[in-house]
mmCIF file of all heavy atoms, coordinates in Angstrom:
data_MODEL
# 
_entry.id   MODEL 
# 
loop_
_atom_site.group_PDB 
_atom_site.id 
_atom_site.type_symbol 
_atom_site.label_atom_id 
_atom_site.label_alt_id 
_atom_site.label_comp_id 
_atom_site.label_asym_id 
_atom_site.label_entity_id 
_atom_site.label_seq_id 
_atom_site.pdbx_PDB_ins_code 
_atom_site.Cartn_x 
_atom_site.Cartn_y 
_atom_site.Cartn_z 
_atom_site.occupancy 
_atom_site.B_iso_or_equiv 
_atom_site.pdbx_formal_charge 
_atom_site.auth_seq_id 
_atom_site.auth_comp_id 
_atom_site.auth_asym_id 
_atom_site.auth_atom_id 
_atom_site.pdbx_PDB_model_num 
ATOM 1   N N   . ILE A 1 1  ? 46.317 24.003 22.917 1.00 0.00 ? 1  ILE A N   1 
ATOM 2   C CA  . ILE A 1 1  ? 47.353 23.011 23.214 1.00 0.00 ? 1  ILE A CA  1 
ATOM 3   C C   . ILE A 1 1  ? 48.583 23.675 23.778 1.00 0.00 ? 1  ILE A C   1 
ATOM 4   O O   . ILE A 1 1  ? 49.069 24.687 23.245 1.00 0.00 ? 1  ILE A O   1 
ATOM 5   C CB  . ILE A 1 1  ? 47.745 22.259 21.920 1.00 0.00 ? 1  ILE A CB  1 
ATOM 6   C CG1 . ILE A 1 1  ? 46.516 21.537 21.335 1.00 0.00 ? 1  ILE A CG1 1 
ATOM 7   C CG2 . ILE A 1 1  ? 48.856 21.251 22.199 1.00 0.00 ? 1  ILE A CG2 1 
ATOM 8   C CD1 . ILE A 1 1  ? 46.753 20.938 19.973 1.00 0.00 ? 1  ILE A CD1 1 
ATOM 9   N N   . LEU A 1 2  ? 49.105 23.104 24.853 1.00 0.00 ? 2  LEU A N   1 
ATOM 10  C CA  . LEU A 1 2  ? 50.394 23.553 25.437 1.00 0.00 ? 2  LEU A CA  1 
ATOM 11  C C   . LEU A 1 2  ? 51.420 22.485 25.229 1.00 0.00 ? 2  LEU A C   1 
ATOM 12  O O   . LEU A 1 2  ? 51.145 21.294 25.536 1.00 0.00 ? 2  LEU A O   1 
ATOM 13  C CB  . LEU A 1 2  ? 50.273 23.842 26.926 1.00 0.00 ? 2  LEU A CB  1 
ATOM 14  C CG  . LEU A 1 2  ? 51.569 24.224 27.683 1.00 0.00 ? 2  LEU A CG  1 
ATOM 15  C CD1 . LEU A 1 2  ? 52.083 25.560 27.206 1.00 0.00 ? 2  LEU A CD1 1 
ATOM 16  C CD2 . LEU A 1 2  ? 51.385 24.189 29.201 1.00 0.00 ? 2  LEU A CD2 1 
ATOM 17  N N   . ILE A 1 3  ? 52.581 22.853 24.665 1.00 0.00 ? 3  ILE A N   1 
ATOM 18  C CA  . ILE A 1 3  ? 53.680 21.920 24.463 1.00 0.00 ? 3  ILE A CA  1 
ATOM 19  C C   . ILE A 1 3  ? 54.805 22.301 25.417 1.00 0.00 ? 3  ILE A C   1 
ATOM 20  O O   . ILE A 1 3  ? 55.389 23.335 25.266 1.00 0.00 ? 3  ILE A O   1 
ATOM 21  C CB  . ILE A 1 3  ? 54.205 21.941 23.028 1.00 0.00 ? 3  ILE A CB  1 
ATOM 22  C CG1 . ILE A 1 3  ? 53.034 21.561 22.060 1.00 0.00 ? 3  ILE A CG1 1 
ATOM 23  C CG2 . ILE A 1 3  ? 55.377 21.014 22.851 1.00 0.00 ? 3  ILE A CG2 1 
ATOM 24  C CD1 . ILE A 1 3  ? 53.391 21.663 20.569 1.00 0.00 ? 3  ILE A CD1 1 
ATOM 25  N N   . THR A 1 4  ? 55.077 21.446 26.415 1.00 0.00 ? 4  THR A N   1 
ATOM 26  C CA  . THR A 1 4  ? 56.182 21.696 27.282 1.00 0.00 ? 4  THR A CA  1 
ATOM 27  C C   . THR A 1 4  ? 57.466 21.253 26.586 1.00 0.00 ? 4  THR A C   1 
ATOM 28  O O   . THR A 1 4  ? 57.508 20.259 25.881 1.00 0.00 ? 4  THR A O   1 
ATOM 29  C CB  . THR A 1 4  ? 56.062 20.951 28.652 1.00 0.00 ? 4  THR A CB  1 
ATOM 30  O OG1 . THR A 1 4  ? 56.159 19.559 28.401 1.00 0.00 ? 4  THR A OG1 1 
ATOM 31  C CG2 . THR A 1 4  ? 54.701 21.293 29.273 1.00 0.00 ? 4  THR A CG2 1 
ATOM 32  N N   . GLY A 1 5  ? 58.573 22.014 26.824 1.00 0.00 ? 5  GLY A N   1 
ATOM 33  C CA  . GLY A 1 5  ? 59.797 21.743 26.056 1.00 0.00 ? 5  GLY A CA  1 
ATOM 34  C C   . GLY A 1 5  ? 59.623 22.186 24.591 1.00 0.00 ? 5  GLY A C   1 
ATOM 35  O O   . GLY A 1 5  ? 60.206 21.619 23.687 1.00 0.00 ? 5  GLY A O   1 
ATOM 36  N N   . GLY A 1 6  ? 58.803 23.213 24.407 1.00 0.00 ? 6  GLY A N   1 
ATOM 37  C CA  . GLY A 1 6  ? 58.430 23.648 23.061 1.00 0.00 ? 6  GLY A CA  1 
ATOM 38  C C   . GLY A 1 6  ? 59.541 24.291 22.239 1.00 0.00 ? 6  GLY A C   1 
ATOM 39  O O   . GLY A 1 6  ? 59.356 24.501 21.029 1.00 0.00 ? 6  GLY A O   1 
ATOM 40  N N   . CYS A 1 7  ? 60.651 24.585 22.870 1.00 0.00 ? 7  CYS A N   1 
ATOM 41  C CA  . CYS A 1 7  ? 61.810 25.113 22.129 1.00 0.00 ? 7  CYS A CA  1 
ATOM 42  C C   . CYS A 1 7  ? 62.923 24.068 22.002 1.00 0.00 ? 7  CYS A C   1 
ATOM 43  O O   . CYS A 1 7  ? 64.053 24.422 21.607 1.00 0.00 ? 7  CYS A O   1 
ATOM 44  C CB  . CYS A 1 7  ? 62.345 26.409 22.748 1.00 0.00 ? 7  CYS A CB  1 
ATOM 45  S SG  . CYS A 1 7  ? 61.170 27.754 22.660 1.00 0.00 ? 7  CYS A SG  1 
ATOM 46  N N   . GLY A 1 8  ? 62.632 22.839 22.358 1.00 0.00 ? 8  GLY A N   1 
ATOM 47  C CA  . GLY A 1 8  ? 63.542 21.748 22.154 1.00 0.00 ? 8  GLY A CA  1 
ATOM 48  C C   . GLY A 1 8  ? 63.398 21.198 20.707 1.00 0.00 ? 8  GLY A C   1 
ATOM 49  O O   . GLY A 1 8  ? 62.557 21.691 19.944 1.00 0.00 ? 8  GLY A O   1 
ATOM 50  N N   . PHE A 1 9  ? 64.112 20.172 20.430 1.00 0.00 ? 9  PHE A N   1 
ATOM 51  C CA  . PHE A 1 9  ? 64.076 19.533 19.073 1.00 0.00 ? 9  PHE A CA  1 
ATOM 52  C C   . PHE A 1 9  ? 62.692 19.047 18.751 1.00 0.00 ? 9  PHE A C   1 
ATOM 53  O O   . PHE A 1 9  ? 62.080 19.447 17.748 1.00 0.00 ? 9  PHE A O   1 
ATOM 54  C CB  . PHE A 1 9  ? 65.086 18.421 19.040 1.00 0.00 ? 9  PHE A CB  1 
ATOM 55  C CG  . PHE A 1 9  ? 64.902 17.455 17.907 1.00 0.00 ? 9  PHE A CG  1 
ATOM 56  C CD1 . PHE A 1 9  ? 64.828 17.888 16.593 1.00 0.00 ? 9  PHE A CD1 1 
ATOM 57  C CD2 . PHE A 1 9  ? 64.772 16.078 18.134 1.00 0.00 ? 9  PHE A CD2 1 
ATOM 58  C CE1 . PHE A 1 9  ? 64.657 17.001 15.545 1.00 0.00 ? 9  PHE A CE1 1 
ATOM 59  C CE2 . PHE A 1 9  ? 64.624 15.163 17.099 1.00 0.00 ? 9  PHE A CE2 1 
ATOM 60  C CZ  . PHE A 1 9  ? 64.541 15.648 15.817 1.00 0.00 ? 9  PHE A CZ  1 
ATOM 61  N N   . VAL A 1 10 ? 62.132 18.138 19.578 1.00 0.00 ? 10 VAL A N   1 
ATOM 62  C CA  . VAL A 1 10 ? 60.828 17.547 19.272 1.00 0.00 ? 10 VAL A CA  1 
ATOM 63  C C   . VAL A 1 10 ? 59.755 18.607 19.447 1.00 0.00 ? 10 VAL A C   1 
ATOM 64  O O   . VAL A 1 10 ? 58.854 18.784 18.582 1.00 0.00 ? 10 VAL A O   1 
ATOM 65  C CB  . VAL A 1 10 ? 60.558 16.338 20.193 1.00 0.00 ? 10 VAL A CB  1 
ATOM 66  C CG1 . VAL A 1 10 ? 59.134 15.818 19.989 1.00 0.00 ? 10 VAL A CG1 1 
ATOM 67  C CG2 . VAL A 1 10 ? 61.542 15.213 19.905 1.00 0.00 ? 10 VAL A CG2 1 
ATOM 68  N N   . GLY A 1 11 ? 59.757 19.335 20.532 1.00 0.00 ? 11 GLY A N   1 
ATOM 69  C CA  . GLY A 1 11 ? 58.711 20.310 20.828 1.00 0.00 ? 11 GLY A CA  1 
ATOM 70  C C   . GLY A 1 11 ? 58.532 21.381 19.800 1.00 0.00 ? 11 GLY A C   1 
ATOM 71  O O   . GLY A 1 11 ? 57.417 21.708 19.402 1.00 0.00 ? 11 GLY A O   1 
ATOM 72  N N   . SER A 1 12 ? 59.643 21.943 19.327 1.00 0.00 ? 12 SER A N   1 
ATOM 73  C CA  . SER A 1 12 ? 59.565 23.034 18.325 1.00 0.00 ? 12 SER A CA  1 
ATOM 74  C C   . SER A 1 12 ? 59.048 22.513 16.996 1.00 0.00 ? 12 SER A C   1 
ATOM 75  O O   . SER A 1 12 ? 58.222 23.137 16.334 1.00 0.00 ? 12 SER A O   1 
ATOM 76  C CB  . SER A 1 12 ? 60.932 23.703 18.136 1.00 0.00 ? 12 SER A CB  1 
ATOM 77  O OG  . SER A 1 12 ? 61.899 22.805 17.695 1.00 0.00 ? 12 SER A OG  1 
ATOM 78  N N   . ASN A 1 13 ? 59.569 21.352 16.567 1.00 0.00 ? 13 ASN A N   1 
ATOM 79  C CA  . ASN A 1 13 ? 59.101 20.747 15.323 1.00 0.00 ? 13 ASN A CA  1 
ATOM 80  C C   . ASN A 1 13 ? 57.606 20.419 15.386 1.00 0.00 ? 13 ASN A C   1 
ATOM 81  O O   . ASN A 1 13 ? 56.868 20.634 14.443 1.00 0.00 ? 13 ASN A O   1 
ATOM 82  C CB  . ASN A 1 13 ? 59.899 19.490 14.953 1.00 0.00 ? 13 ASN A CB  1 
ATOM 83  C CG  . ASN A 1 13 ? 61.200 19.839 14.260 1.00 0.00 ? 13 ASN A CG  1 
ATOM 84  O OD1 . ASN A 1 13 ? 61.257 20.258 13.116 1.00 0.00 ? 13 ASN A OD1 1 
ATOM 85  N ND2 . ASN A 1 13 ? 62.280 19.668 14.992 1.00 0.00 ? 13 ASN A ND2 1 
ATOM 86  N N   . LEU A 1 14 ? 57.181 19.913 16.547 1.00 0.00 ? 14 LEU A N   1 
ATOM 87  C CA  . LEU A 1 14 ? 55.785 19.553 16.714 1.00 0.00 ? 14 LEU A CA  1 
ATOM 88  C C   . LEU A 1 14 ? 54.880 20.799 16.732 1.00 0.00 ? 14 LEU A C   1 
ATOM 89  O O   . LEU A 1 14 ? 53.873 20.783 16.085 1.00 0.00 ? 14 LEU A O   1 
ATOM 90  C CB  . LEU A 1 14 ? 55.655 18.766 18.034 1.00 0.00 ? 14 LEU A CB  1 
ATOM 91  C CG  . LEU A 1 14 ? 54.225 18.321 18.386 1.00 0.00 ? 14 LEU A CG  1 
ATOM 92  C CD1 . LEU A 1 14 ? 53.643 17.406 17.312 1.00 0.00 ? 14 LEU A CD1 1 
ATOM 93  C CD2 . LEU A 1 14 ? 54.222 17.596 19.717 1.00 0.00 ? 14 LEU A CD2 1 
ATOM 94  N N   . ALA A 1 15 ? 55.308 21.806 17.464 1.00 0.00 ? 15 ALA A N   1 
ATOM 95  C CA  . ALA A 1 15 ? 54.517 23.057 17.546 1.00 0.00 ? 15 ALA A CA  1 
ATOM 96  C C   . ALA A 1 15 ? 54.317 23.646 16.142 1.00 0.00 ? 15 ALA A C   1 
ATOM 97  O O   . ALA A 1 15 ? 53.182 24.047 15.774 1.00 0.00 ? 15 ALA A O   1 
ATOM 98  C CB  . ALA A 1 15 ? 55.215 24.071 18.439 1.00 0.00 ? 15 ALA A CB  1 
ATOM 99  N N   . ILE A 1 16 ? 55.382 23.709 15.384 1.00 0.00 ? 16 ILE A N   1 
ATOM 100 C CA  . ILE A 1 16 ? 55.279 24.292 14.020 1.00 0.00 ? 16 ILE A CA  1 
ATOM 101 C C   . ILE A 1 16 ? 54.452 23.415 13.132 1.00 0.00 ? 16 ILE A C   1 
ATOM 102 O O   . ILE A 1 16 ? 53.642 23.919 12.323 1.00 0.00 ? 16 ILE A O   1 
ATOM 103 C CB  . ILE A 1 16 ? 56.702 24.501 13.443 1.00 0.00 ? 16 ILE A CB  1 
ATOM 104 C CG1 . ILE A 1 16 ? 57.400 25.605 14.224 1.00 0.00 ? 16 ILE A CG1 1 
ATOM 105 C CG2 . ILE A 1 16 ? 56.680 24.825 11.971 1.00 0.00 ? 16 ILE A CG2 1 
ATOM 106 C CD1 . ILE A 1 16 ? 58.897 25.724 14.003 1.00 0.00 ? 16 ILE A CD1 1 
ATOM 107 N N   . TYR A 1 17 ? 54.588 22.099 13.242 1.00 0.00 ? 17 TYR A N   1 
ATOM 108 C CA  . TYR A 1 17 ? 53.787 21.160 12.456 1.00 0.00 ? 17 TYR A CA  1 
ATOM 109 C C   . TYR A 1 17 ? 52.301 21.333 12.731 1.00 0.00 ? 17 TYR A C   1 
ATOM 110 O O   . TYR A 1 17 ? 51.450 21.416 11.825 1.00 0.00 ? 17 TYR A O   1 
ATOM 111 C CB  . TYR A 1 17 ? 54.234 19.738 12.734 1.00 0.00 ? 17 TYR A CB  1 
ATOM 112 C CG  . TYR A 1 17 ? 53.403 18.708 12.008 1.00 0.00 ? 17 TYR A CG  1 
ATOM 113 C CD1 . TYR A 1 17 ? 53.744 18.253 10.728 1.00 0.00 ? 17 TYR A CD1 1 
ATOM 114 C CD2 . TYR A 1 17 ? 52.269 18.184 12.623 1.00 0.00 ? 17 TYR A CD2 1 
ATOM 115 C CE1 . TYR A 1 17 ? 52.985 17.306 10.081 1.00 0.00 ? 17 TYR A CE1 1 
ATOM 116 C CE2 . TYR A 1 17 ? 51.483 17.198 11.962 1.00 0.00 ? 17 TYR A CE2 1 
ATOM 117 C CZ  . TYR A 1 17 ? 51.850 16.794 10.681 1.00 0.00 ? 17 TYR A CZ  1 
ATOM 118 O OH  . TYR A 1 17 ? 51.103 15.862 10.048 1.00 0.00 ? 17 TYR A OH  1 
ATOM 119 N N   . LEU A 1 18 ? 51.959 21.370 14.021 1.00 0.00 ? 18 LEU A N   1 
ATOM 120 C CA  . LEU A 1 18 ? 50.522 21.504 14.412 1.00 0.00 ? 18 LEU A CA  1 
ATOM 121 C C   . LEU A 1 18 ? 49.962 22.830 13.939 1.00 0.00 ? 18 LEU A C   1 
ATOM 122 O O   . LEU A 1 18 ? 48.819 22.924 13.499 1.00 0.00 ? 18 LEU A O   1 
ATOM 123 C CB  . LEU A 1 18 ? 50.358 21.374 15.913 1.00 0.00 ? 18 LEU A CB  1 
ATOM 124 C CG  . LEU A 1 18 ? 50.746 20.002 16.516 1.00 0.00 ? 18 LEU A CG  1 
ATOM 125 C CD1 . LEU A 1 18 ? 50.567 19.992 18.030 1.00 0.00 ? 18 LEU A CD1 1 
ATOM 126 C CD2 . LEU A 1 18 ? 49.937 18.870 15.869 1.00 0.00 ? 18 LEU A CD2 1 
ATOM 127 N N   . LYS A 1 19 ? 50.758 23.897 14.047 1.00 0.00 ? 19 LYS A N   1 
ATOM 128 C CA  . LYS A 1 19 ? 50.288 25.246 13.603 1.00 0.00 ? 19 LYS A CA  1 
ATOM 129 C C   . LYS A 1 19 ? 50.068 25.217 12.093 1.00 0.00 ? 19 LYS A C   1 
ATOM 130 O O   . LYS A 1 19 ? 49.034 25.722 11.626 1.00 0.00 ? 19 LYS A O   1 
ATOM 131 C CB  . LYS A 1 19 ? 51.377 26.252 13.970 1.00 0.00 ? 19 LYS A CB  1 
ATOM 132 C CG  . LYS A 1 19 ? 51.041 27.652 13.538 1.00 0.00 ? 19 LYS A CG  1 
ATOM 133 C CD  . LYS A 1 19 ? 50.217 28.383 14.539 1.00 0.00 ? 19 LYS A CD  1 
ATOM 134 C CE  . LYS A 1 19 ? 50.060 29.840 14.196 1.00 0.00 ? 19 LYS A CE  1 
ATOM 135 N NZ  . LYS A 1 19 ? 49.306 30.602 15.225 1.00 0.00 ? 19 LYS A NZ  1 
ATOM 136 N N   . LYS A 1 20 ? 50.989 24.681 11.371 1.00 0.00 ? 20 LYS A N   1 
ATOM 137 C CA  . LYS A 1 20 ? 50.935 24.625 9.895  1.00 0.00 ? 20 LYS A CA  1 
ATOM 138 C C   . LYS A 1 20 ? 49.699 23.865 9.446  1.00 0.00 ? 20 LYS A C   1 
ATOM 139 O O   . LYS A 1 20 ? 49.030 24.199 8.502  1.00 0.00 ? 20 LYS A O   1 
ATOM 140 C CB  . LYS A 1 20 ? 52.188 24.008 9.357  1.00 0.00 ? 20 LYS A CB  1 
ATOM 141 C CG  . LYS A 1 20 ? 52.207 23.900 7.827  1.00 0.00 ? 20 LYS A CG  1 
ATOM 142 C CD  . LYS A 1 20 ? 53.489 23.268 7.304  1.00 0.00 ? 20 LYS A CD  1 
ATOM 143 C CE  . LYS A 1 20 ? 53.490 23.123 5.818  1.00 0.00 ? 20 LYS A CE  1 
ATOM 144 N NZ  . LYS A 1 20 ? 54.715 22.411 5.316  1.00 0.00 ? 20 LYS A NZ  1 
ATOM 145 N N   . ASN A 1 21 ? 49.415 22.745 10.143 1.00 0.00 ? 21 ASN A N   1 
ATOM 146 C CA  . ASN A 1 21 ? 48.318 21.879 9.723  1.00 0.00 ? 21 ASN A CA  1 
ATOM 147 C C   . ASN A 1 21 ? 47.012 22.201 10.433 1.00 0.00 ? 21 ASN A C   1 
ATOM 148 O O   . ASN A 1 21 ? 46.042 21.405 10.339 1.00 0.00 ? 21 ASN A O   1 
ATOM 149 C CB  . ASN A 1 21 ? 48.728 20.401 9.959  1.00 0.00 ? 21 ASN A CB  1 
ATOM 150 C CG  . ASN A 1 21 ? 49.772 19.942 9.011  1.00 0.00 ? 21 ASN A CG  1 
ATOM 151 O OD1 . ASN A 1 21 ? 49.492 19.624 7.839  1.00 0.00 ? 21 ASN A OD1 1 
ATOM 152 N ND2 . ASN A 1 21 ? 51.050 19.976 9.446  1.00 0.00 ? 21 ASN A ND2 1 
ATOM 153 N N   . LYS A 1 22 ? 47.009 23.300 11.164 1.00 0.00 ? 22 LYS A N   1 
ATOM 154 C CA  . LYS A 1 22 ? 45.796 23.811 11.832 1.00 0.00 ? 22 LYS A CA  1 
ATOM 155 C C   . LYS A 1 22 ? 45.186 22.784 12.753 1.00 0.00 ? 22 LYS A C   1 
ATOM 156 O O   . LYS A 1 22 ? 43.966 22.552 12.759 1.00 0.00 ? 22 LYS A O   1 
ATOM 157 C CB  . LYS A 1 22 ? 44.792 24.263 10.775 1.00 0.00 ? 22 LYS A CB  1 
ATOM 158 C CG  . LYS A 1 22 ? 45.325 25.418 9.870  1.00 0.00 ? 22 LYS A CG  1 
ATOM 159 C CD  . LYS A 1 22 ? 44.255 25.839 8.842  1.00 0.00 ? 22 LYS A CD  1 
ATOM 160 C CE  . LYS A 1 22 ? 44.836 26.969 7.977  1.00 0.00 ? 22 LYS A CE  1 
ATOM 161 N NZ  . LYS A 1 22 ? 43.905 27.417 6.948  1.00 0.00 ? 22 LYS A NZ  1 
ATOM 162 N N   . ILE A 1 23 ? 46.060 22.155 13.540 1.00 0.00 ? 23 ILE A N   1 
ATOM 163 C CA  . ILE A 1 23 ? 45.599 21.228 14.565 1.00 0.00 ? 23 ILE A CA  1 
ATOM 164 C C   . ILE A 1 23 ? 45.497 21.993 15.860 1.00 0.00 ? 23 ILE A C   1 
ATOM 165 O O   . ILE A 1 23 ? 46.455 22.325 16.507 1.00 0.00 ? 23 ILE A O   1 
ATOM 166 C CB  . ILE A 1 23 ? 46.586 20.044 14.764 1.00 0.00 ? 23 ILE A CB  1 
ATOM 167 C CG1 . ILE A 1 23 ? 46.914 19.411 13.416 1.00 0.00 ? 23 ILE A CG1 1 
ATOM 168 C CG2 . ILE A 1 23 ? 45.991 19.027 15.732 1.00 0.00 ? 23 ILE A CG2 1 
ATOM 169 C CD1 . ILE A 1 23 ? 45.734 18.895 12.656 1.00 0.00 ? 23 ILE A CD1 1 
ATOM 170 N N   . GLY A 1 24 ? 44.278 22.333 16.283 1.00 0.00 ? 24 GLY A N   1 
ATOM 171 C CA  . GLY A 1 24 ? 44.098 23.183 17.433 1.00 0.00 ? 24 GLY A CA  1 
ATOM 172 C C   . GLY A 1 24 ? 44.006 24.661 17.023 1.00 0.00 ? 24 GLY A C   1 
ATOM 173 O O   . GLY A 1 24 ? 44.695 25.077 16.038 1.00 0.00 ? 24 GLY A O   1 
ATOM 174 N N   . ASN A 1 25 ? 43.264 25.439 17.723 1.00 0.00 ? 25 ASN A N   1 
ATOM 175 C CA  . ASN A 1 25 ? 43.093 26.839 17.355 1.00 0.00 ? 25 ASN A CA  1 
ATOM 176 C C   . ASN A 1 25 ? 44.096 27.748 18.102 1.00 0.00 ? 25 ASN A C   1 
ATOM 177 O O   . ASN A 1 25 ? 44.213 28.912 17.769 1.00 0.00 ? 25 ASN A O   1 
ATOM 178 C CB  . ASN A 1 25 ? 41.652 27.320 17.638 1.00 0.00 ? 25 ASN A CB  1 
ATOM 179 C CG  . ASN A 1 25 ? 41.269 27.174 19.119 1.00 0.00 ? 25 ASN A CG  1 
ATOM 180 O OD1 . ASN A 1 25 ? 41.920 26.434 19.837 1.00 0.00 ? 25 ASN A OD1 1 
ATOM 181 N ND2 . ASN A 1 25 ? 40.188 27.828 19.495 1.00 0.00 ? 25 ASN A ND2 1 
ATOM 182 N N   . LYS A 1 26 ? 44.846 27.144 19.034 1.00 0.00 ? 26 LYS A N   1 
ATOM 183 C CA  . LYS A 1 26 ? 45.871 27.902 19.713 1.00 0.00 ? 26 LYS A CA  1 
ATOM 184 C C   . LYS A 1 26 ? 46.970 26.941 20.181 1.00 0.00 ? 26 LYS A C   1 
ATOM 185 O O   . LYS A 1 26 ? 46.699 25.972 20.883 1.00 0.00 ? 26 LYS A O   1 
ATOM 186 C CB  . LYS A 1 26 ? 45.302 28.711 20.892 1.00 0.00 ? 26 LYS A CB  1 
ATOM 187 C CG  . LYS A 1 26 ? 46.335 29.640 21.557 1.00 0.00 ? 26 LYS A CG  1 
ATOM 188 C CD  . LYS A 1 26 ? 45.645 30.528 22.580 1.00 0.00 ? 26 LYS A CD  1 
ATOM 189 C CE  . LYS A 1 26 ? 44.807 31.586 21.854 1.00 0.00 ? 26 LYS A CE  1 
ATOM 190 N NZ  . LYS A 1 26 ? 44.256 32.594 22.850 1.00 0.00 ? 26 LYS A NZ  1 
ATOM 191 N N   . ILE A 1 27 ? 48.227 27.258 19.832 1.00 0.00 ? 27 ILE A N   1 
ATOM 192 C CA  . ILE A 1 27 ? 49.373 26.429 20.211 1.00 0.00 ? 27 ILE A CA  1 
ATOM 193 C C   . ILE A 1 27 ? 50.336 27.319 21.027 1.00 0.00 ? 27 ILE A C   1 
ATOM 194 O O   . ILE A 1 27 ? 50.764 28.347 20.533 1.00 0.00 ? 27 ILE A O   1 
ATOM 195 C CB  . ILE A 1 27 ? 50.146 25.890 18.996 1.00 0.00 ? 27 ILE A CB  1 
ATOM 196 C CG1 . ILE A 1 27 ? 49.251 25.172 18.002 1.00 0.00 ? 27 ILE A CG1 1 
ATOM 197 C CG2 . ILE A 1 27 ? 51.268 24.961 19.452 1.00 0.00 ? 27 ILE A CG2 1 
ATOM 198 C CD1 . ILE A 1 27 ? 48.651 23.911 18.480 1.00 0.00 ? 27 ILE A CD1 1 
# 
C-alpha cells in the first residue's frame, strides 16, 4: 500500500493505524 500525503494529518495516522493492525504486508 502507498499512501500519498503520508506525512499529513490523515495520511500519517492512517499509515500508523494500518501498520499497527497489520493491514497489508508493506506500507
